[in-house]
Amino acid sequence: MYVSSILSTIDHVIQKNKIIFILFAFWVIVGGILLTLYSRETLFFAINDIHSPFLDKLMTVMSGFGRGDCIPIVLCSLIIVEGLRRAHYIFTALSFGIVLPSIILLIKKFYGCPRPLVEFGLSRVHTVPWLDNAFYNSFPSGHTIGAFGFFMLLSFYLPNKQKLWSVLFFALALGCGISRLYLGQHYFKDIYVGSLIGVMVSTVLFIVAELLFGHRKSHKRKHSS
């Protein structure tokens, strides 16, 4: 009975958010193919070698969408939205703010992989002077985990008539990941795996919230009718 409820909830979440799940599935397939066909050096410099003053500023902004010190503030501030002032969102937002940083910290400390700057050096890797460079704990990309997790969560809470905004959310999340290569801070594999982790964590937390609080909403509807 409980297994049936979980499977039904998973199906419901996927059906309501087809757009972003389809986009993400396409990214997973294409990204997986690229990782299989090309070396990490080739994939890294395919992005890092293309730079300009305009892109320096744009990619800095895009990278900011995955900042761990900004996402919790935005999630908390969204409570002022009337439709989000409920236990379902509060539970998901708080859980996200606790679980995601913990996962990022644990995985990074476990692997401790060197970043592109260690392997290729400052003379070859393009960076920007206004951002601090990192040299270790490359895998996975924390910014990409945060961006994909954050925008996936926002997409889940969009009203049905506004689900097309998911396209923009996905583009911003992917843009954040690409910016990490452009800024010389990560390899393609780092952002690829980071996107998987971010989406999985957000999806699991949202499904748990649906199981805990979603049935109350449906029960009230039945009772009022």
N, C-alpha and C. Protein backbone atom coordinates (compact mmCIF):
# COMPACT_ATOMS: atom_id res chain seq x y z
N MET A 1 0.83 -1.21 0.00
CA MET A 1 0.00 0.00 0.00
C MET A 1 0.87 1.26 0.00
N TYR A 2 1.90 1.25 0.87
CA TYR A 2 2.79 2.40 0.96
C TYR A 2 3.64 2.52 -0.30
N VAL A 3 4.09 1.37 -0.82
CA VAL A 3 4.88 1.36 -2.06
C VAL A 3 4.05 1.92 -3.21
N SER A 4 2.79 1.53 -3.25
CA SER A 4 1.88 2.03 -4.29
C SER A 4 1.71 3.53 -4.20
N SER A 5 1.66 4.05 -2.97
CA SER A 5 1.52 5.49 -2.76
C SER A 5 2.77 6.24 -3.24
N ILE A 6 3.93 5.66 -2.97
CA ILE A 6 5.19 6.28 -3.39
C ILE A 6 5.27 6.32 -4.92
N LEU A 7 4.97 5.18 -5.55
CA LEU A 7 5.03 5.11 -7.01
C LEU A 7 4.03 6.06 -7.66
N SER A 8 2.85 6.17 -7.06
CA SER A 8 1.82 7.07 -7.58
C SER A 8 2.28 8.53 -7.46
N THR A 9 2.93 8.85 -6.35
CA THR A 9 3.42 10.22 -6.14
C THR A 9 4.54 10.56 -7.11
N ILE A 10 5.45 9.62 -7.33
CA ILE A 10 6.54 9.83 -8.28
C ILE A 10 5.99 10.09 -9.67
N ASP A 11 5.03 9.28 -10.08
CA ASP A 11 4.41 9.44 -11.39
C ASP A 11 3.71 10.80 -11.50
N HIS A 12 3.04 11.20 -10.43
CA HIS A 12 2.33 12.49 -10.41
C HIS A 12 3.31 13.66 -10.57
N VAL A 13 4.43 13.59 -9.86
CA VAL A 13 5.44 14.66 -9.92
C VAL A 13 6.05 14.74 -11.32
N ILE A 14 6.34 13.60 -11.91
CA ILE A 14 6.93 13.58 -13.25
C ILE A 14 5.94 14.12 -14.28
N GLN A 15 4.69 13.69 -14.20
CA GLN A 15 3.68 14.13 -15.16
C GLN A 15 3.43 15.63 -15.08
N LYS A 16 3.45 16.19 -13.88
CA LYS A 16 3.21 17.63 -13.70
C LYS A 16 4.41 18.47 -14.14
N ASN A 17 5.57 17.84 -14.21
CA ASN A 17 6.79 18.59 -14.53
C ASN A 17 7.52 17.98 -15.73
N LYS A 18 6.74 17.59 -16.73
CA LYS A 18 7.29 16.93 -17.91
C LYS A 18 8.35 17.77 -18.60
N ILE A 19 8.10 19.06 -18.70
CA ILE A 19 8.99 19.92 -19.49
C ILE A 19 10.42 19.87 -18.97
N ILE A 20 10.59 20.13 -17.68
CA ILE A 20 11.95 20.18 -17.16
C ILE A 20 12.59 18.80 -17.08
N PHE A 21 11.78 17.76 -16.87
CA PHE A 21 12.34 16.40 -16.85
C PHE A 21 12.80 15.97 -18.25
N ILE A 22 12.05 16.36 -19.28
CA ILE A 22 12.46 16.05 -20.65
C ILE A 22 13.75 16.78 -21.01
N LEU A 23 13.83 18.06 -20.66
CA LEU A 23 15.05 18.83 -20.91
C LEU A 23 16.24 18.23 -20.18
N PHE A 24 16.02 17.84 -18.95
CA PHE A 24 17.11 17.27 -18.16
C PHE A 24 17.54 15.92 -18.72
N ALA A 25 16.58 15.11 -19.15
CA ALA A 25 16.90 13.80 -19.75
C ALA A 25 17.75 13.98 -21.00
N PHE A 26 17.41 14.99 -21.81
CA PHE A 26 18.18 15.29 -23.03
C PHE A 26 19.61 15.67 -22.65
N TRP A 27 19.76 16.50 -21.63
CA TRP A 27 21.09 16.90 -21.17
C TRP A 27 21.89 15.70 -20.66
N VAL A 28 21.24 14.81 -19.93
CA VAL A 28 21.91 13.64 -19.39
C VAL A 28 22.44 12.76 -20.54
N ILE A 29 21.63 12.58 -21.56
CA ILE A 29 22.04 11.76 -22.71
C ILE A 29 23.18 12.41 -23.47
N VAL A 30 23.01 13.68 -23.83
CA VAL A 30 24.04 14.39 -24.61
C VAL A 30 25.33 14.51 -23.80
N GLY A 31 25.21 14.89 -22.53
CA GLY A 31 26.40 15.01 -21.68
C GLY A 31 27.13 13.69 -21.52
N GLY A 32 26.35 12.60 -21.38
CA GLY A 32 26.96 11.28 -21.25
C GLY A 32 27.72 10.87 -22.50
N ILE A 33 27.15 11.19 -23.67
CA ILE A 33 27.81 10.89 -24.94
C ILE A 33 29.11 11.68 -25.06
N LEU A 34 29.07 12.96 -24.70
CA LEU A 34 30.27 13.80 -24.77
C LEU A 34 31.37 13.27 -23.85
N LEU A 35 30.99 12.84 -22.66
CA LEU A 35 31.97 12.30 -21.72
C LEU A 35 32.60 11.01 -22.25
N THR A 36 31.82 10.25 -22.98
CA THR A 36 32.31 8.99 -23.53
C THR A 36 33.25 9.21 -24.71
N LEU A 37 32.95 10.20 -25.54
CA LEU A 37 33.69 10.41 -26.78
C LEU A 37 34.95 11.26 -26.63
N TYR A 38 34.95 12.18 -25.67
CA TYR A 38 36.05 13.14 -25.60
C TYR A 38 36.75 13.11 -24.24
N SER A 39 38.01 13.50 -24.25
CA SER A 39 38.79 13.55 -23.01
C SER A 39 38.36 14.76 -22.18
N ARG A 40 38.70 14.74 -20.91
CA ARG A 40 38.31 15.86 -20.05
C ARG A 40 39.04 17.15 -20.46
N GLU A 41 40.25 17.02 -21.00
CA GLU A 41 40.99 18.19 -21.47
C GLU A 41 40.27 18.82 -22.66
N THR A 42 39.83 17.99 -23.59
CA THR A 42 39.14 18.49 -24.78
C THR A 42 37.84 19.18 -24.41
N LEU A 43 37.07 18.56 -23.53
CA LEU A 43 35.79 19.14 -23.12
C LEU A 43 36.00 20.44 -22.34
N PHE A 44 37.02 20.46 -21.51
CA PHE A 44 37.28 21.65 -20.71
C PHE A 44 37.66 22.84 -21.59
N PHE A 45 38.61 22.64 -22.47
CA PHE A 45 39.09 23.77 -23.29
C PHE A 45 38.13 24.12 -24.42
N ALA A 46 37.19 23.24 -24.73
CA ALA A 46 36.16 23.58 -25.72
C ALA A 46 35.34 24.77 -25.23
N ILE A 47 35.23 24.90 -23.92
CA ILE A 47 34.50 26.03 -23.31
C ILE A 47 35.47 27.11 -22.84
N ASN A 48 36.53 26.71 -22.16
CA ASN A 48 37.44 27.67 -21.53
C ASN A 48 38.23 28.50 -22.53
N ASP A 49 38.45 27.95 -23.73
CA ASP A 49 39.23 28.68 -24.74
C ASP A 49 38.42 29.77 -25.44
N ILE A 50 37.09 29.73 -25.30
CA ILE A 50 36.25 30.74 -25.95
C ILE A 50 35.90 31.81 -24.93
N HIS A 51 36.58 32.95 -25.01
CA HIS A 51 36.33 33.98 -23.99
C HIS A 51 36.44 35.39 -24.57
N SER A 52 35.79 36.31 -23.89
CA SER A 52 35.78 37.72 -24.28
C SER A 52 35.40 38.52 -23.04
N PRO A 53 35.64 39.83 -23.03
CA PRO A 53 35.26 40.66 -21.87
C PRO A 53 33.77 40.56 -21.54
N PHE A 54 32.92 40.50 -22.58
CA PHE A 54 31.49 40.37 -22.35
C PHE A 54 31.14 39.03 -21.69
N LEU A 55 31.74 37.95 -22.23
CA LEU A 55 31.47 36.63 -21.67
C LEU A 55 32.03 36.50 -20.25
N ASP A 56 33.14 37.16 -19.98
CA ASP A 56 33.69 37.16 -18.62
C ASP A 56 32.64 37.64 -17.61
N LYS A 57 31.98 38.73 -17.95
CA LYS A 57 30.96 39.29 -17.05
C LYS A 57 29.70 38.43 -17.02
N LEU A 58 29.27 37.96 -18.20
CA LEU A 58 28.06 37.14 -18.27
C LEU A 58 28.23 35.84 -17.49
N MET A 59 29.37 35.18 -17.66
CA MET A 59 29.60 33.91 -16.99
C MET A 59 29.79 34.08 -15.48
N THR A 60 30.28 35.23 -15.08
CA THR A 60 30.37 35.51 -13.65
C THR A 60 28.97 35.59 -13.05
N VAL A 61 28.07 36.25 -13.77
CA VAL A 61 26.67 36.34 -13.32
C VAL A 61 26.03 34.96 -13.30
N MET A 62 26.23 34.18 -14.36
CA MET A 62 25.65 32.85 -14.44
C MET A 62 26.15 31.95 -13.30
N SER A 63 27.41 32.09 -12.99
CA SER A 63 27.99 31.29 -11.90
C SER A 63 27.33 31.61 -10.57
N GLY A 64 26.91 32.87 -10.42
CA GLY A 64 26.30 33.30 -9.17
C GLY A 64 25.00 32.59 -8.84
N PHE A 65 24.34 32.03 -9.85
CA PHE A 65 23.08 31.32 -9.61
C PHE A 65 23.27 30.06 -8.79
N GLY A 66 24.52 29.61 -8.66
CA GLY A 66 24.77 28.41 -7.89
C GLY A 66 25.46 28.65 -6.56
N ARG A 67 25.56 29.91 -6.16
CA ARG A 67 26.26 30.24 -4.92
C ARG A 67 25.51 29.73 -3.69
N GLY A 68 26.23 28.99 -2.87
CA GLY A 68 25.60 28.40 -1.70
C GLY A 68 25.16 29.40 -0.65
N ASP A 69 25.74 30.61 -0.67
CA ASP A 69 25.35 31.61 0.32
C ASP A 69 24.14 32.43 -0.14
N CYS A 70 23.77 32.27 -1.41
CA CYS A 70 22.63 33.04 -1.94
C CYS A 70 21.34 32.22 -2.01
N ILE A 71 21.46 30.95 -2.36
CA ILE A 71 20.28 30.11 -2.56
C ILE A 71 19.41 30.02 -1.31
N PRO A 72 19.96 29.76 -0.11
CA PRO A 72 19.10 29.69 1.08
C PRO A 72 18.35 31.00 1.35
N ILE A 73 19.00 32.12 1.07
CA ILE A 73 18.35 33.42 1.28
C ILE A 73 17.16 33.57 0.36
N VAL A 74 17.34 33.19 -0.91
CA VAL A 74 16.25 33.28 -1.88
C VAL A 74 15.12 32.35 -1.49
N LEU A 75 15.44 31.12 -1.10
CA LEU A 75 14.41 30.16 -0.72
C LEU A 75 13.60 30.65 0.48
N CYS A 76 14.29 31.24 1.46
CA CYS A 76 13.59 31.77 2.64
C CYS A 76 12.73 32.97 2.27
N SER A 77 13.24 33.83 1.41
CA SER A 77 12.50 35.03 1.04
C SER A 77 11.24 34.69 0.25
N LEU A 78 11.22 33.54 -0.42
CA LEU A 78 10.06 33.15 -1.22
C LEU A 78 8.85 32.80 -0.35
N ILE A 79 9.07 32.67 0.94
CA ILE A 79 7.96 32.39 1.85
C ILE A 79 6.96 33.54 1.87
N ILE A 80 7.39 34.73 1.43
CA ILE A 80 6.47 35.86 1.38
C ILE A 80 5.40 35.66 0.29
N VAL A 81 5.68 34.74 -0.66
CA VAL A 81 4.68 34.42 -1.68
C VAL A 81 3.56 33.63 -1.01
N GLU A 82 2.34 34.10 -1.17
CA GLU A 82 1.21 33.51 -0.45
C GLU A 82 1.05 32.02 -0.72
N GLY A 83 1.23 31.62 -1.97
CA GLY A 83 1.05 30.21 -2.31
C GLY A 83 2.10 29.30 -1.72
N LEU A 84 3.23 29.85 -1.26
CA LEU A 84 4.31 29.05 -0.70
C LEU A 84 4.33 29.08 0.82
N ARG A 85 3.40 29.81 1.41
CA ARG A 85 3.36 29.91 2.88
C ARG A 85 2.62 28.71 3.46
N ARG A 86 3.21 27.55 3.28
CA ARG A 86 2.60 26.33 3.79
C ARG A 86 3.67 25.32 4.17
N ALA A 87 3.28 24.32 4.93
CA ALA A 87 4.24 23.36 5.48
C ALA A 87 5.01 22.63 4.39
N HIS A 88 4.35 22.36 3.28
CA HIS A 88 4.98 21.63 2.17
C HIS A 88 6.25 22.34 1.70
N TYR A 89 6.12 23.63 1.40
CA TYR A 89 7.28 24.39 0.90
C TYR A 89 8.31 24.61 1.99
N ILE A 90 7.86 24.96 3.18
CA ILE A 90 8.80 25.23 4.28
C ILE A 90 9.65 24.00 4.57
N PHE A 91 9.01 22.83 4.59
CA PHE A 91 9.75 21.58 4.81
C PHE A 91 10.79 21.35 3.71
N THR A 92 10.37 21.51 2.46
CA THR A 92 11.27 21.26 1.33
C THR A 92 12.43 22.25 1.31
N ALA A 93 12.13 23.53 1.53
CA ALA A 93 13.17 24.56 1.50
C ALA A 93 14.19 24.35 2.62
N LEU A 94 13.70 24.08 3.82
CA LEU A 94 14.61 23.86 4.95
C LEU A 94 15.45 22.60 4.75
N SER A 95 14.81 21.53 4.29
CA SER A 95 15.54 20.28 4.04
C SER A 95 16.60 20.48 2.97
N PHE A 96 16.24 21.21 1.93
CA PHE A 96 17.17 21.51 0.84
C PHE A 96 18.39 22.26 1.38
N GLY A 97 18.13 23.25 2.24
CA GLY A 97 19.20 24.07 2.80
C GLY A 97 20.14 23.31 3.71
N ILE A 98 19.67 22.18 4.24
CA ILE A 98 20.50 21.37 5.14
C ILE A 98 21.16 20.22 4.39
N VAL A 99 20.37 19.50 3.61
CA VAL A 99 20.85 18.28 2.94
C VAL A 99 21.87 18.58 1.85
N LEU A 100 21.56 19.55 0.99
CA LEU A 100 22.43 19.80 -0.17
C LEU A 100 23.86 20.22 0.23
N PRO A 101 24.03 21.22 1.11
CA PRO A 101 25.40 21.59 1.51
C PRO A 101 26.15 20.43 2.16
N SER A 102 25.43 19.60 2.91
CA SER A 102 26.06 18.45 3.58
C SER A 102 26.59 17.46 2.55
N ILE A 103 25.78 17.19 1.53
CA ILE A 103 26.20 16.26 0.47
C ILE A 103 27.40 16.81 -0.28
N ILE A 104 27.35 18.10 -0.62
CA ILE A 104 28.46 18.72 -1.34
C ILE A 104 29.76 18.62 -0.53
N LEU A 105 29.68 18.96 0.75
CA LEU A 105 30.87 18.93 1.61
C LEU A 105 31.45 17.53 1.73
N LEU A 106 30.58 16.55 1.95
CA LEU A 106 31.04 15.17 2.14
C LEU A 106 31.71 14.62 0.89
N ILE A 107 31.08 14.82 -0.27
CA ILE A 107 31.63 14.27 -1.51
C ILE A 107 32.94 14.96 -1.87
N LYS A 108 32.97 16.28 -1.74
CA LYS A 108 34.20 17.02 -2.07
C LYS A 108 35.36 16.60 -1.18
N LYS A 109 35.09 16.44 0.11
CA LYS A 109 36.15 16.04 1.04
C LYS A 109 36.60 14.61 0.78
N PHE A 110 35.65 13.78 0.37
CA PHE A 110 35.99 12.37 0.11
C PHE A 110 36.91 12.23 -1.09
N TYR A 111 36.61 12.95 -2.18
CA TYR A 111 37.40 12.84 -3.40
C TYR A 111 38.60 13.79 -3.40
N GLY A 112 38.39 15.04 -3.02
CA GLY A 112 39.49 16.01 -2.97
C GLY A 112 40.23 16.18 -4.28
N CYS A 113 39.52 16.08 -5.40
CA CYS A 113 40.18 16.11 -6.71
C CYS A 113 40.77 17.48 -7.04
N PRO A 114 41.93 17.50 -7.68
CA PRO A 114 42.52 18.78 -8.12
C PRO A 114 41.70 19.40 -9.24
N ARG A 115 41.70 20.72 -9.31
CA ARG A 115 40.95 21.44 -10.34
C ARG A 115 41.83 21.67 -11.57
N PRO A 116 41.25 22.17 -12.64
CA PRO A 116 42.02 22.39 -13.89
C PRO A 116 43.26 23.24 -13.71
N LEU A 117 43.21 24.21 -12.79
CA LEU A 117 44.37 25.09 -12.58
C LEU A 117 45.59 24.32 -12.09
N VAL A 118 45.35 23.24 -11.37
CA VAL A 118 46.47 22.42 -10.89
C VAL A 118 47.08 21.64 -12.05
N GLU A 119 46.23 21.10 -12.90
CA GLU A 119 46.72 20.28 -14.01
C GLU A 119 47.31 21.10 -15.15
N PHE A 120 46.65 22.21 -15.49
CA PHE A 120 47.06 22.96 -16.68
C PHE A 120 47.78 24.27 -16.38
N GLY A 121 47.63 24.81 -15.18
CA GLY A 121 48.34 26.02 -14.79
C GLY A 121 47.62 27.30 -15.18
N LEU A 122 47.93 28.37 -14.47
CA LEU A 122 47.30 29.68 -14.69
C LEU A 122 47.63 30.26 -16.07
N SER A 123 48.76 29.87 -16.63
CA SER A 123 49.16 30.42 -17.93
C SER A 123 48.29 29.90 -19.06
N ARG A 124 47.68 28.74 -18.88
CA ARG A 124 46.88 28.14 -19.94
C ARG A 124 45.38 28.26 -19.71
N VAL A 125 44.98 28.29 -18.45
CA VAL A 125 43.54 28.32 -18.12
C VAL A 125 43.06 29.76 -18.03
N HIS A 126 41.95 30.03 -18.68
CA HIS A 126 41.35 31.37 -18.62
C HIS A 126 40.56 31.53 -17.33
N THR A 127 40.86 32.58 -16.58
CA THR A 127 40.12 32.92 -15.37
C THR A 127 39.80 34.41 -15.41
N VAL A 128 39.06 34.88 -14.41
CA VAL A 128 38.77 36.32 -14.33
C VAL A 128 39.39 36.87 -13.04
N PRO A 129 39.92 38.08 -13.08
CA PRO A 129 40.67 38.62 -11.95
C PRO A 129 39.83 38.93 -10.72
N TRP A 130 38.53 39.11 -10.89
CA TRP A 130 37.70 39.51 -9.74
C TRP A 130 37.13 38.33 -8.94
N LEU A 131 37.45 37.12 -9.36
CA LEU A 131 37.02 35.94 -8.61
C LEU A 131 38.23 35.17 -8.11
N ASP A 132 38.13 34.66 -6.89
CA ASP A 132 39.21 33.85 -6.32
C ASP A 132 39.26 32.49 -7.03
N ASN A 133 40.45 32.02 -7.31
CA ASN A 133 40.62 30.72 -7.95
C ASN A 133 40.74 29.62 -6.90
N ALA A 134 40.15 28.47 -7.22
CA ALA A 134 40.26 27.31 -6.35
C ALA A 134 41.14 26.26 -7.02
N PHE A 135 41.80 25.44 -6.23
CA PHE A 135 42.75 24.49 -6.80
C PHE A 135 42.42 23.03 -6.47
N TYR A 136 41.59 22.81 -5.46
CA TYR A 136 41.25 21.43 -5.08
C TYR A 136 39.75 21.30 -4.82
N ASN A 137 39.34 20.09 -4.47
CA ASN A 137 37.91 19.78 -4.24
C ASN A 137 37.07 20.10 -5.48
N SER A 138 37.54 19.63 -6.61
CA SER A 138 36.88 19.92 -7.88
C SER A 138 35.60 19.11 -8.09
N PHE A 139 35.62 17.85 -7.66
CA PHE A 139 34.50 16.94 -7.94
C PHE A 139 33.60 16.75 -6.73
N PRO A 140 32.29 16.94 -6.92
CA PRO A 140 31.60 17.50 -8.09
C PRO A 140 31.50 19.02 -7.95
N SER A 141 30.89 19.67 -8.91
CA SER A 141 30.75 21.13 -8.86
C SER A 141 29.62 21.53 -7.91
N GLY A 142 29.98 22.19 -6.82
CA GLY A 142 28.98 22.63 -5.85
C GLY A 142 28.01 23.65 -6.42
N HIS A 143 28.55 24.56 -7.24
CA HIS A 143 27.70 25.57 -7.88
C HIS A 143 26.64 24.91 -8.77
N THR A 144 27.07 23.89 -9.52
CA THR A 144 26.13 23.22 -10.42
C THR A 144 25.09 22.42 -9.64
N ILE A 145 25.51 21.78 -8.58
CA ILE A 145 24.56 21.07 -7.72
C ILE A 145 23.51 22.05 -7.20
N GLY A 146 23.99 23.19 -6.70
CA GLY A 146 23.09 24.19 -6.15
C GLY A 146 22.14 24.75 -7.20
N ALA A 147 22.66 25.07 -8.38
CA ALA A 147 21.84 25.67 -9.43
C ALA A 147 20.77 24.71 -9.92
N PHE A 148 21.15 23.49 -10.24
CA PHE A 148 20.17 22.52 -10.73
C PHE A 148 19.16 22.17 -9.64
N GLY A 149 19.64 22.01 -8.42
CA GLY A 149 18.71 21.71 -7.33
C GLY A 149 17.74 22.85 -7.08
N PHE A 150 18.25 24.07 -7.07
CA PHE A 150 17.44 25.26 -6.80
C PHE A 150 16.38 25.47 -7.89
N PHE A 151 16.81 25.46 -9.14
CA PHE A 151 15.86 25.72 -10.23
C PHE A 151 14.89 24.57 -10.44
N MET A 152 15.31 23.36 -10.11
CA MET A 152 14.38 22.22 -10.17
C MET A 152 13.29 22.41 -9.12
N LEU A 153 13.70 22.85 -7.95
CA LEU A 153 12.75 23.08 -6.87
C LEU A 153 11.75 24.18 -7.24
N LEU A 154 12.25 25.26 -7.80
CA LEU A 154 11.36 26.34 -8.23
C LEU A 154 10.37 25.85 -9.29
N SER A 155 10.85 25.02 -10.19
CA SER A 155 9.99 24.49 -11.25
C SER A 155 8.86 23.65 -10.67
N PHE A 156 9.16 22.86 -9.64
CA PHE A 156 8.13 22.03 -9.01
C PHE A 156 6.98 22.87 -8.46
N TYR A 157 7.30 24.05 -7.96
CA TYR A 157 6.28 24.89 -7.31
C TYR A 157 5.59 25.87 -8.26
N LEU A 158 5.95 25.81 -9.53
CA LEU A 158 5.26 26.66 -10.50
C LEU A 158 3.81 26.20 -10.68
N PRO A 159 2.88 27.12 -10.80
CA PRO A 159 1.50 26.74 -11.14
C PRO A 159 1.49 26.06 -12.51
N ASN A 160 0.52 25.20 -12.74
CA ASN A 160 0.46 24.43 -13.99
C ASN A 160 0.49 25.32 -15.23
N LYS A 161 -0.18 26.47 -15.16
CA LYS A 161 -0.25 27.36 -16.32
C LYS A 161 1.06 28.09 -16.59
N GLN A 162 2.00 28.00 -15.65
CA GLN A 162 3.27 28.72 -15.81
C GLN A 162 4.47 27.77 -15.92
N LYS A 163 4.21 26.51 -16.24
CA LYS A 163 5.28 25.52 -16.32
C LYS A 163 6.31 25.80 -17.42
N LEU A 164 5.94 26.63 -18.40
CA LEU A 164 6.89 26.96 -19.46
C LEU A 164 8.11 27.71 -18.93
N TRP A 165 7.95 28.33 -17.76
CA TRP A 165 9.10 28.99 -17.13
C TRP A 165 10.20 27.98 -16.81
N SER A 166 9.85 26.69 -16.79
CA SER A 166 10.83 25.64 -16.54
C SER A 166 11.95 25.66 -17.58
N VAL A 167 11.61 26.07 -18.80
CA VAL A 167 12.63 26.15 -19.86
C VAL A 167 13.71 27.15 -19.47
N LEU A 168 13.29 28.31 -18.98
CA LEU A 168 14.25 29.32 -18.53
C LEU A 168 15.04 28.82 -17.33
N PHE A 169 14.36 28.19 -16.39
CA PHE A 169 15.04 27.68 -15.20
C PHE A 169 16.12 26.66 -15.59
N PHE A 170 15.78 25.77 -16.51
CA PHE A 170 16.76 24.78 -16.95
C PHE A 170 17.96 25.46 -17.63
N ALA A 171 17.67 26.45 -18.47
CA ALA A 171 18.74 27.17 -19.18
C ALA A 171 19.67 27.87 -18.19
N LEU A 172 19.12 28.45 -17.14
CA LEU A 172 19.94 29.13 -16.13
C LEU A 172 20.80 28.13 -15.35
N ALA A 173 20.22 26.98 -15.03
CA ALA A 173 20.97 25.95 -14.31
C ALA A 173 22.12 25.43 -15.17
N LEU A 174 21.83 25.14 -16.43
CA LEU A 174 22.87 24.65 -17.33
C LEU A 174 23.91 25.73 -17.59
N GLY A 175 23.45 26.96 -17.71
CA GLY A 175 24.37 28.08 -17.89
C GLY A 175 25.33 28.23 -16.73
N CYS A 176 24.83 27.98 -15.53
CA CYS A 176 25.69 28.04 -14.34
C CYS A 176 26.77 26.97 -14.43
N GLY A 177 26.37 25.76 -14.84
CA GLY A 177 27.34 24.69 -14.97
C GLY A 177 28.42 25.02 -16.00
N ILE A 178 27.99 25.49 -17.16
CA ILE A 178 28.94 25.84 -18.23
C ILE A 178 29.88 26.96 -17.78
N SER A 179 29.34 27.89 -16.98
CA SER A 179 30.17 29.00 -16.51
C SER A 179 31.33 28.53 -15.64
N ARG A 180 31.16 27.39 -14.98
CA ARG A 180 32.23 26.88 -14.13
C ARG A 180 33.42 26.37 -14.95
N LEU A 181 33.13 25.89 -16.18
CA LEU A 181 34.22 25.54 -17.09
C LEU A 181 34.84 26.80 -17.66
N TYR A 182 33.99 27.72 -18.06
CA TYR A 182 34.47 28.98 -18.65
C TYR A 182 35.40 29.71 -17.68
N LEU A 183 35.04 29.72 -16.40
CA LEU A 183 35.83 30.44 -15.39
C LEU A 183 37.03 29.64 -14.90
N GLY A 184 37.21 28.45 -15.46
CA GLY A 184 38.40 27.65 -15.16
C GLY A 184 38.37 26.92 -13.84
N GLN A 185 37.19 26.69 -13.29
CA GLN A 185 37.11 26.13 -11.95
C GLN A 185 36.76 24.64 -11.91
N HIS A 186 36.22 24.11 -13.01
CA HIS A 186 35.77 22.71 -13.01
C HIS A 186 35.95 22.04 -14.36
N TYR A 187 35.94 20.70 -14.31
CA TYR A 187 35.90 19.88 -15.52
C TYR A 187 34.45 19.60 -15.88
N PHE A 188 34.24 19.11 -17.12
CA PHE A 188 32.89 18.79 -17.59
C PHE A 188 32.25 17.72 -16.70
N LYS A 189 33.02 16.73 -16.30
CA LYS A 189 32.49 15.66 -15.45
C LYS A 189 31.96 16.22 -14.14
N ASP A 190 32.62 17.23 -13.60
CA ASP A 190 32.21 17.85 -12.33
C ASP A 190 30.81 18.44 -12.44
N ILE A 191 30.55 19.15 -13.54
CA ILE A 191 29.24 19.78 -13.67
C ILE A 191 28.18 18.76 -14.08
N TYR A 192 28.58 17.74 -14.83
CA TYR A 192 27.63 16.71 -15.25
C TYR A 192 27.10 15.95 -14.04
N VAL A 193 28.01 15.47 -13.22
CA VAL A 193 27.60 14.74 -12.01
C VAL A 193 26.90 15.69 -11.04
N GLY A 194 27.37 16.93 -10.98
CA GLY A 194 26.72 17.91 -10.11
C GLY A 194 25.26 18.13 -10.47
N SER A 195 24.97 18.17 -11.77
CA SER A 195 23.59 18.35 -12.20
C SER A 195 22.73 17.15 -11.78
N LEU A 196 23.29 15.95 -11.88
CA LEU A 196 22.56 14.75 -11.47
C LEU A 196 22.22 14.79 -9.98
N ILE A 197 23.21 15.16 -9.18
CA ILE A 197 23.00 15.21 -7.74
C ILE A 197 21.95 16.27 -7.38
N GLY A 198 22.08 17.45 -7.96
CA GLY A 198 21.15 18.53 -7.66
C GLY A 198 19.71 18.17 -7.97
N VAL A 199 19.49 17.59 -9.14
CA VAL A 199 18.13 17.21 -9.55
C VAL A 199 17.60 16.07 -8.69
N MET A 200 18.44 15.09 -8.40
CA MET A 200 17.99 13.96 -7.59
C MET A 200 17.60 14.39 -6.18
N VAL A 201 18.42 15.24 -5.57
CA VAL A 201 18.13 15.69 -4.21
C VAL A 201 16.82 16.48 -4.17
N SER A 202 16.66 17.43 -5.08
CA SER A 202 15.44 18.24 -5.11
C SER A 202 14.20 17.38 -5.36
N THR A 203 14.33 16.44 -6.28
CA THR A 203 13.19 15.58 -6.61
C THR A 203 12.80 14.70 -5.43
N VAL A 204 13.79 14.11 -4.78
CA VAL A 204 13.50 13.26 -3.63
C VAL A 204 12.86 14.06 -2.50
N LEU A 205 13.40 15.24 -2.22
CA LEU A 205 12.84 16.07 -1.14
C LEU A 205 11.41 16.50 -1.45
N PHE A 206 11.16 16.83 -2.71
CA PHE A 206 9.81 17.24 -3.09
C PHE A 206 8.84 16.07 -2.99
N ILE A 207 9.27 14.89 -3.40
CA ILE A 207 8.41 13.71 -3.30
C ILE A 207 8.11 13.37 -1.84
N VAL A 208 9.12 13.49 -0.99
CA VAL A 208 8.90 13.26 0.45
C VAL A 208 7.87 14.26 0.99
N ALA A 209 8.01 15.53 0.59
CA ALA A 209 7.05 16.55 1.02
C ALA A 209 5.65 16.24 0.52
N GLU A 210 5.55 15.72 -0.70
CA GLU A 210 4.25 15.33 -1.25
C GLU A 210 3.64 14.20 -0.43
N LEU A 211 4.45 13.24 -0.04
CA LEU A 211 3.96 12.12 0.76
C LEU A 211 3.54 12.57 2.16
N LEU A 212 4.27 13.54 2.72
CA LEU A 212 3.98 14.00 4.08
C LEU A 212 2.81 14.99 4.14
N PHE A 213 2.75 15.89 3.14
CA PHE A 213 1.78 16.98 3.22
C PHE A 213 0.79 17.03 2.06
N GLY A 214 1.14 16.38 0.94
CA GLY A 214 0.26 16.43 -0.22
C GLY A 214 -1.09 15.80 0.01
N HIS A 215 -1.12 14.70 0.80
CA HIS A 215 -2.39 14.00 1.05
C HIS A 215 -3.35 14.85 1.87
N ARG A 216 -2.79 15.78 2.67
CA ARG A 216 -3.66 16.65 3.46
C ARG A 216 -4.44 17.59 2.56
N LYS A 217 -3.75 18.08 1.53
CA LYS A 217 -4.40 18.99 0.59
C LYS A 217 -5.54 18.30 -0.16
N SER A 218 -5.25 17.07 -0.62
CA SER A 218 -6.27 16.33 -1.36
C SER A 218 -7.42 15.94 -0.45
N HIS A 219 -7.10 15.66 0.84
CA HIS A 219 -8.14 15.30 1.80
C HIS A 219 -9.07 16.49 2.05
N LYS A 220 -8.50 17.71 2.14
CA LYS A 220 -9.31 18.91 2.35
C LYS A 220 -10.23 19.15 1.18
N ARG A 221 -9.73 18.89 -0.04
CA ARG A 221 -10.56 19.09 -1.23
C ARG A 221 -11.75 18.15 -1.20
N LYS A 222 -11.49 16.88 -0.84
CA LYS A 222 -12.56 15.90 -0.80
C LYS A 222 -13.58 16.27 0.28
N HIS A 223 -13.09 16.73 1.41
CA HIS A 223 -13.94 17.07 2.53
C HIS A 223 -14.83 18.26 2.21
N SER A 224 -14.22 19.27 1.51
CA SER A 224 -14.98 20.48 1.18
C SER A 224 -16.01 20.23 0.10
N SER A 225 -15.76 19.24 -0.76
CA SER A 225 -16.71 18.93 -1.81
C SER A 225 -17.86 18.06 -1.28
